[in-house]
């Protein structure tokens, strides 16, 4: 880093994205992307005609997309915020609803950006430990008088908590925002978006990156009371009002129109996930009962880091985390059946030599 970086940023423990090596052709099962391409409608919308409009600014209000999302999910458009990936929504939410005085609480094993944003914005946060079964203990989030941030399903475990549990957390913290990150909910979790209509302190965040096959487009959205959405817009219009480019907006609109296609893709991923659990069990692996598009698994025959490295040597990428609590595990994105069979083929070879 340079000598010009101000002191409070020099010690930041930054977020580490999943690796994107270019040295060979990999079966890429490390970043929870969809194995399916965007829908036909999305491909048709990103036309030369749309590209020719890049000389013009996009609509900062994202009004067409917000109206389409509102109709799809049964909300008013004023209850929907659209942003440059769900990460930007999380960033805005930490800016808007967390501080040294307000504080925040989130799981100690969860999406890595929560801690990064907590440090970046100088938030007095608490990391609540998971249980020995890697589940959230909702008692850690009741009556805490802090901003609550929970990924549901959680990452990297893939485990969910019930809508009833979320409602208890929301009700017990009426003076604070409860943010539920539903990045993976379309793969078997239960969404709590209907609770937004009952409680003005609930913010539910979604992304196009996983179930909508658009990780490269960078598009996220959130449901909340009109007051919470107004708060997020205040941050947006104070930083970057044109935060979503024209092509991403067009793709996002077309994806809503093609919602049935994406529902079918999610069903296929869930089917392959359940098949993959069976194969992992045959190979002697333990795994958590994932509601997401990934599986968190470990083997007594080989350590997590060694397994990850040997898979990589053989052209298969999975994700390994150095946190000692979960270092025995790898997180395996659910790909196509052919991709998963390649993973199992390489795993069999590795275990024979272990």
Protein backbone atom coordinates (compact mmCIF):
# COMPACT_ATOMS: atom_id res chain seq x y z
CA UNK A 1 0.00 0.00 0.00
CA UNK A 2 1.05 3.58 -0.50
CA UNK A 3 2.05 6.04 2.21
CA UNK A 4 -1.01 8.11 1.26
CA UNK A 5 -3.63 5.62 2.47
CA UNK A 6 -5.14 7.04 5.65
CA UNK A 7 -4.47 5.16 8.85
CA UNK A 8 -7.93 3.71 9.50
CA UNK A 9 -7.83 1.80 6.19
CA UNK A 10 -4.32 0.40 6.47
CA UNK A 11 -5.32 -2.43 8.78
CA UNK A 12 -8.41 -3.57 6.85
CA UNK A 13 -8.71 -7.32 6.43
CA UNK A 14 -10.13 -7.23 2.92
CA UNK A 15 -12.60 -9.66 1.35
CA UNK A 16 -10.97 -12.44 -0.66
CA UNK A 17 -12.97 -13.38 -3.78
CA UNK A 18 -12.95 -16.93 -5.07
CA UNK A 19 -9.89 -17.55 -7.19
CA UNK A 20 -10.09 -17.22 -10.98
CA UNK A 21 -6.92 -18.95 -12.26
CA UNK A 22 -6.14 -18.80 -15.98
CA UNK A 23 -3.31 -21.33 -16.21
CA UNK A 24 -5.56 -24.17 -17.41
CA UNK A 25 -9.17 -25.11 -18.16
CA UNK A 26 -10.86 -25.87 -14.84
CA UNK A 27 -14.14 -27.38 -13.78
CA UNK A 28 -15.12 -24.32 -11.77
CA UNK A 29 -17.01 -25.26 -8.61
CA UNK A 30 -15.64 -22.60 -6.26
CA UNK A 31 -17.69 -19.40 -6.59
CA UNK A 32 -21.33 -20.54 -6.50
CA UNK A 33 -22.11 -19.38 -10.02
CA UNK A 34 -24.93 -21.00 -11.95
CA UNK A 35 -23.81 -23.65 -14.45
CA UNK A 36 -26.56 -22.48 -16.80
CA UNK A 37 -26.42 -19.50 -19.19
CA UNK A 38 -28.80 -16.54 -18.99
CA UNK A 39 -32.19 -17.00 -20.61
CA UNK A 40 -32.84 -16.51 -24.31
CA UNK A 41 -34.70 -13.30 -23.55
CA UNK A 42 -31.66 -11.85 -21.79
CA UNK A 43 -29.41 -12.69 -24.73
CA UNK A 44 -31.83 -11.06 -27.15
CA UNK A 45 -32.08 -7.87 -25.07
CA UNK A 46 -28.32 -7.33 -25.09
CA UNK A 47 -28.52 -6.39 -28.76
CA UNK A 48 -26.49 -4.04 -30.94
CA UNK A 49 -29.38 -1.58 -30.60
CA UNK A 50 -28.98 -1.59 -26.82
CA UNK A 51 -25.20 -1.24 -27.10
CA UNK A 52 -25.65 1.82 -29.31
CA UNK A 53 -27.38 3.51 -26.36
CA UNK A 54 -24.27 3.33 -24.19
CA UNK A 55 -23.61 6.99 -24.98
CA UNK A 56 -26.61 7.75 -22.75
CA UNK A 57 -26.82 7.47 -18.97
CA UNK A 58 -29.01 4.69 -17.58
CA UNK A 59 -32.18 5.44 -15.63
CA UNK A 60 -30.96 6.14 -12.08
CA UNK A 61 -34.36 5.18 -10.66
CA UNK A 62 -34.30 1.78 -12.45
CA UNK A 63 -38.05 2.29 -12.72
CA UNK A 64 -38.80 -0.38 -15.35
CA UNK A 65 -36.88 -3.07 -13.47
CA UNK A 66 -38.35 -2.08 -10.10
CA UNK A 67 -41.87 -2.21 -11.54
CA UNK A 68 -41.25 -5.67 -13.01
CA UNK A 69 -39.84 -6.97 -9.72
CA UNK A 70 -42.75 -5.42 -7.84
CA UNK A 71 -45.25 -7.20 -10.06
CA UNK A 72 -43.40 -10.53 -9.84
CA UNK A 73 -43.20 -10.54 -6.04
CA UNK A 74 -46.38 -8.65 -5.15
CA UNK A 75 -44.94 -5.38 -3.81
CA UNK A 76 -45.13 -1.69 -4.61
CA UNK A 77 -42.10 -0.46 -6.52
CA UNK A 78 -41.36 1.93 -3.62
CA UNK A 79 -40.61 -1.18 -1.53
CA UNK A 80 -37.80 -2.24 -3.87
CA UNK A 81 -34.21 -1.03 -4.13
CA UNK A 82 -31.95 -2.02 -7.02
CA UNK A 83 -28.18 -1.87 -6.91
CA UNK A 84 -24.85 -2.95 -8.37
CA UNK A 85 -24.88 -6.46 -6.95
CA UNK A 86 -26.15 -7.36 -3.50
CA UNK A 87 -22.69 -6.47 -2.16
CA UNK A 88 -23.40 -2.80 -2.80
CA UNK A 89 -26.71 -3.07 -0.97
CA UNK A 90 -24.88 -4.60 1.99
CA UNK A 91 -22.36 -1.79 1.86
CA UNK A 92 -25.09 0.87 1.78
CA UNK A 93 -26.94 -0.87 4.62
CA UNK A 94 -23.86 -0.93 6.83
CA UNK A 95 -23.34 2.76 6.09
CA UNK A 96 -26.96 3.65 6.73
CA UNK A 97 -27.91 1.45 9.68
CA UNK A 98 -24.70 0.66 11.58
CA UNK A 99 -22.26 2.77 13.57
CA UNK A 100 -20.10 2.74 16.67
CA UNK A 101 -23.22 3.55 18.67
CA UNK A 102 -25.75 1.31 16.88
CA UNK A 103 -23.48 -1.66 16.43
CA UNK A 104 -24.23 -4.87 14.54
CA UNK A 105 -24.35 -8.61 15.13
CA UNK A 106 -23.84 -11.38 12.59
CA UNK A 107 -22.58 -14.99 12.65
CA UNK A 108 -18.88 -15.59 13.14
CA UNK A 109 -18.96 -18.01 10.22
CA UNK A 110 -20.88 -16.45 7.36
CA UNK A 111 -20.41 -14.28 4.28
CA UNK A 112 -17.01 -12.63 4.64
CA UNK A 113 -18.13 -9.17 3.57
CA UNK A 114 -20.09 -8.58 6.79
CA UNK A 115 -16.91 -8.33 8.83
CA UNK A 116 -15.18 -6.32 6.09
CA UNK A 117 -17.96 -3.74 6.02
CA UNK A 118 -18.05 -3.69 9.81
CA UNK A 119 -14.37 -2.76 9.87
CA UNK A 120 -14.61 -0.40 6.90
CA UNK A 121 -17.38 1.66 8.47
CA UNK A 122 -16.01 1.47 12.01
CA UNK A 123 -18.99 -0.49 13.34
CA UNK A 124 -18.99 -1.91 16.86
CA UNK A 125 -19.99 -5.41 15.81
CA UNK A 126 -20.37 -8.78 17.53
CA UNK A 127 -19.75 -12.12 15.82
CA UNK A 128 -22.17 -14.67 17.26
CA UNK A 129 -20.76 -18.22 17.26
CA UNK A 130 -22.52 -21.01 15.43
CA UNK A 131 -23.54 -24.07 17.39
CA UNK A 132 -21.44 -27.25 17.28
CA UNK A 133 -23.71 -28.35 14.42
CA UNK A 134 -22.88 -25.13 12.52
CA UNK A 135 -26.40 -23.76 13.02
CA UNK A 136 -27.43 -20.27 14.11
CA UNK A 137 -28.68 -19.93 17.67
CA UNK A 138 -31.47 -17.38 17.32
CA UNK A 139 -31.11 -16.44 20.98
CA UNK A 140 -27.93 -14.62 19.98
CA UNK A 141 -30.05 -12.22 17.91
CA UNK A 142 -33.03 -11.60 20.21
CA UNK A 143 -33.31 -8.24 21.99
CA UNK A 144 -29.76 -7.27 21.05
CA UNK A 145 -30.56 -3.62 20.23
CA UNK A 146 -28.15 -3.79 17.31
CA UNK A 147 -28.46 -4.07 13.55
CA UNK A 148 -28.83 -7.79 12.81
CA UNK A 149 -27.33 -9.28 9.65
CA UNK A 150 -28.05 -12.91 8.76
CA UNK A 151 -27.52 -14.86 5.54
CA UNK A 152 -30.38 -17.32 5.09
CA UNK A 153 -29.39 -19.89 3.91
CA UNK A 154 -26.04 -19.18 5.53
CA UNK A 155 -22.76 -19.31 3.68
CA UNK A 156 -20.62 -21.36 3.57
CA UNK A 157 -22.71 -23.88 5.52
CA UNK A 158 -25.87 -23.79 3.38
CA UNK A 159 -28.07 -24.18 6.47
CA UNK A 160 -31.29 -22.21 6.98
CA UNK A 161 -33.34 -20.88 9.84
CA UNK A 162 -37.14 -20.74 9.67
CA UNK A 163 -39.28 -17.75 8.76
CA UNK A 164 -40.79 -18.04 12.25
CA UNK A 165 -37.34 -17.61 13.79
CA UNK A 166 -36.66 -14.57 11.63
CA UNK A 167 -39.95 -13.02 12.70
CA UNK A 168 -39.00 -13.49 16.36
CA UNK A 169 -35.72 -11.68 15.71
CA UNK A 170 -37.47 -8.83 13.89
CA UNK A 171 -40.10 -8.40 16.60
CA UNK A 172 -37.51 -8.44 19.40
CA UNK A 173 -35.45 -5.63 17.81
CA UNK A 174 -38.07 -3.01 16.89
CA UNK A 175 -35.60 -0.10 17.08
CA UNK A 176 -33.05 -1.72 14.79
CA UNK A 177 -32.87 -2.97 11.23
CA UNK A 178 -32.80 -6.72 10.65
CA UNK A 179 -31.13 -7.53 7.33
CA UNK A 180 -31.72 -10.99 5.87
CA UNK A 181 -29.40 -11.86 2.99
CA UNK A 182 -31.29 -14.29 0.74
CA UNK A 183 -28.62 -14.78 -1.91
CA UNK A 184 -29.26 -18.54 -1.98
CA UNK A 185 -32.93 -18.76 -1.04
CA UNK A 186 -34.12 -19.95 -4.47
CA UNK A 187 -32.43 -23.34 -4.01
CA UNK A 188 -34.61 -24.60 -1.19
CA UNK A 189 -34.68 -21.99 1.55
CA UNK A 190 -37.84 -20.25 2.75
CA UNK A 191 -38.05 -16.56 1.91
CA UNK A 192 -39.20 -14.06 4.52
CA UNK A 193 -40.10 -11.26 2.07
CA UNK A 194 -43.78 -11.35 3.08
CA UNK A 195 -42.72 -10.20 6.55
CA UNK A 196 -41.63 -6.92 4.96
CA UNK A 197 -45.34 -6.09 4.65
CA UNK A 198 -45.73 -6.46 8.43
CA UNK A 199 -42.54 -4.92 9.83
CA UNK A 200 -40.85 -1.64 8.94
CA UNK A 201 -37.44 -2.71 10.26
CA UNK A 202 -36.87 -5.71 7.97
CA UNK A 203 -34.65 -5.49 4.89
CA UNK A 204 -34.40 -8.55 2.62
CA UNK A 205 -31.55 -8.64 0.10
CA UNK A 206 -31.44 -10.72 -3.08
CA UNK A 207 -29.03 -11.13 -6.01
CA UNK A 208 -29.06 -12.06 -9.69
CA UNK A 209 -25.66 -13.71 -9.30
CA UNK A 210 -26.77 -17.19 -8.25
CA UNK A 211 -30.25 -18.29 -9.30
CA UNK A 212 -30.48 -15.82 -12.20
CA UNK A 213 -27.23 -16.80 -13.97
CA UNK A 214 -25.95 -13.22 -14.03
CA UNK A 215 -22.95 -13.10 -11.67
CA UNK A 216 -21.05 -11.17 -14.33
CA UNK A 217 -23.75 -8.54 -14.71
CA UNK A 218 -23.59 -7.33 -11.06
CA UNK A 219 -27.21 -6.79 -10.10
CA UNK A 220 -28.92 -7.02 -6.73
CA UNK A 221 -32.21 -5.91 -5.22
CA UNK A 222 -33.81 -5.54 -1.83
CA UNK A 223 -37.28 -5.47 -0.27
CA UNK A 224 -38.06 -3.15 2.60
CA UNK A 225 -40.46 -0.55 3.97
CA UNK A 226 -40.67 2.63 1.93
CA UNK A 227 -38.72 4.37 4.69
CA UNK A 228 -35.83 1.87 4.57
CA UNK A 229 -35.73 2.02 0.77
CA UNK A 230 -35.65 5.81 0.97
CA UNK A 231 -32.70 5.56 3.35
CA UNK A 232 -30.79 3.37 0.90
CA UNK A 233 -31.58 5.78 -1.93
CA UNK A 234 -30.19 8.62 0.16
CA UNK A 235 -26.87 6.77 0.32
CA UNK A 236 -27.00 5.83 -3.37
CA UNK A 237 -27.69 9.39 -4.54
CA UNK A 238 -24.88 10.63 -2.31
CA UNK A 239 -22.34 8.28 -3.90
CA UNK A 240 -23.18 7.00 -7.38
CA UNK A 241 -26.72 7.56 -8.73
CA UNK A 242 -25.93 5.80 -12.02
CA UNK A 243 -24.73 2.68 -10.28
CA UNK A 244 -26.25 0.17 -12.73
CA UNK A 245 -25.24 0.29 -16.38
CA UNK A 246 -27.75 0.18 -19.25
CA UNK A 247 -26.91 -3.35 -20.34
CA UNK A 248 -27.30 -4.79 -16.86
CA UNK A 249 -30.64 -3.04 -16.44
CA UNK A 250 -31.85 -4.44 -19.77
CA UNK A 251 -30.67 -7.94 -18.83
CA UNK A 252 -32.32 -7.71 -15.43
CA UNK A 253 -35.65 -6.69 -16.95
CA UNK A 254 -35.54 -9.55 -19.46
CA UNK A 255 -34.66 -12.04 -16.72
CA UNK A 256 -37.82 -11.12 -14.81
CA UNK A 257 -39.84 -11.75 -17.97
CA UNK A 258 -38.18 -15.17 -18.26
CA UNK A 259 -38.67 -16.13 -14.61
CA UNK A 260 -39.99 -19.61 -15.47
CA UNK A 261 -36.69 -20.49 -17.14
CA UNK A 262 -34.75 -19.66 -13.99
CA UNK A 263 -37.13 -21.58 -11.77
CA UNK A 264 -36.47 -24.64 -13.95
CA UNK A 265 -32.70 -24.08 -13.70
CA UNK A 266 -32.95 -23.94 -9.91
CA UNK A 267 -34.91 -27.19 -9.88
CA UNK A 268 -32.20 -28.85 -11.97
CA UNK A 269 -29.50 -27.60 -9.61
CA UNK A 270 -31.40 -28.93 -6.59
CA UNK A 271 -31.76 -32.29 -8.33
CA UNK A 272 -28.02 -32.46 -9.00
CA UNK A 273 -27.30 -31.31 -5.44
CA UNK A 274 -29.27 -34.21 -3.99
CA UNK A 275 -27.56 -36.63 -6.40
CA UNK A 276 -24.20 -35.20 -5.34
CA UNK A 277 -24.97 -35.68 -1.66
CA UNK A 278 -25.51 -39.36 -2.36
CA UNK A 279 -22.23 -39.67 -4.23
CA UNK A 280 -20.34 -37.86 -1.47
CA UNK A 281 -21.82 -40.21 1.09
CA UNK A 282 -20.69 -43.21 -0.99
CA UNK A 283 -17.17 -41.73 -0.96
CA UNK A 284 -17.21 -41.44 2.84
CA UNK A 285 -17.81 -37.70 3.10
CA UNK A 286 -19.88 -35.93 5.71
CA UNK A 287 -21.86 -32.88 4.60
CA UNK A 288 -24.28 -30.32 5.95
CA UNK A 289 -27.87 -30.44 4.74
CA UNK A 290 -27.61 -27.57 2.30
CA UNK A 291 -30.54 -25.44 1.09
CA UNK A 292 -28.22 -23.65 -1.34
CA UNK A 293 -26.44 -24.27 -4.63
CA UNK A 294 -23.36 -25.60 -2.85
CA UNK A 295 -22.45 -28.40 -0.46
CA UNK A 296 -20.20 -28.00 2.57
CA UNK A 297 -18.41 -31.33 2.98
CA UNK A 298 -15.47 -33.01 4.72
CA UNK A 299 -13.80 -36.41 4.80
CA UNK A 300 -11.96 -38.26 7.57
CA UNK A 301 -9.69 -39.67 4.88
CA UNK A 302 -8.18 -36.35 3.80
CA UNK A 303 -7.89 -32.83 5.18
CA UNK A 304 -9.82 -30.00 3.60
CA UNK A 305 -6.80 -28.04 2.40
CA UNK A 306 -5.08 -31.10 0.96
CA UNK A 307 -8.24 -32.19 -0.83
CA UNK A 308 -8.72 -28.71 -2.30
CA UNK A 309 -5.11 -28.56 -3.52
CA UNK A 310 -5.17 -32.00 -5.09
CA UNK A 311 -8.44 -31.27 -6.86
CA UNK A 312 -6.94 -28.06 -8.21
CA UNK A 313 -3.88 -29.94 -9.49
CA UNK A 314 -6.31 -32.13 -11.40
CA UNK A 315 -8.34 -29.32 -12.92
CA UNK A 316 -11.23 -29.01 -10.45
CA UNK A 317 -11.73 -25.90 -8.32
CA UNK A 318 -13.59 -25.91 -4.99
CA UNK A 319 -13.40 -23.39 -2.14
CA UNK A 320 -11.40 -23.93 1.04
CA UNK A 321 -11.42 -21.60 4.07
CA UNK A 322 -8.51 -21.25 6.47
CA UNK A 323 -10.69 -20.56 9.52
CA UNK A 324 -9.68 -23.44 11.86
CA UNK A 325 -13.31 -24.09 12.85
CA UNK A 326 -14.17 -25.07 9.27
CA UNK A 327 -10.77 -25.87 7.76
CA UNK A 328 -11.65 -29.57 7.42
CA UNK A 329 -14.42 -28.64 4.99
CA UNK A 330 -14.53 -27.60 1.36
CA UNK A 331 -17.41 -25.76 -0.22
CA UNK A 332 -18.45 -27.37 -3.49
CA UNK A 333 -20.62 -25.41 -5.91
CA UNK A 334 -23.27 -27.57 -7.54
CA UNK A 335 -22.61 -27.61 -11.27
CA UNK A 336 -24.07 -29.75 -14.02
CA UNK A 337 -24.23 -33.49 -13.49
CA UNK A 338 -21.27 -33.89 -15.87
CA UNK A 339 -19.21 -31.40 -13.86
CA UNK A 340 -20.07 -33.13 -10.60
CA UNK A 341 -19.21 -36.52 -12.04
CA UNK A 342 -15.80 -35.13 -13.00
CA UNK A 343 -15.38 -33.99 -9.38
CA UNK A 344 -16.25 -37.45 -8.09
CA UNK A 345 -13.95 -39.13 -10.61
CA UNK A 346 -11.01 -37.03 -9.44
CA UNK A 347 -12.01 -37.53 -5.80
CA UNK A 348 -11.92 -41.31 -6.17
CA UNK A 349 -8.39 -41.07 -7.58
CA UNK A 350 -7.27 -38.77 -4.77
CA UNK A 351 -8.71 -40.98 -2.02
CA UNK A 352 -7.06 -44.08 -3.44
CA UNK A 353 -3.70 -42.34 -3.10
CA UNK A 354 -4.40 -40.75 0.28
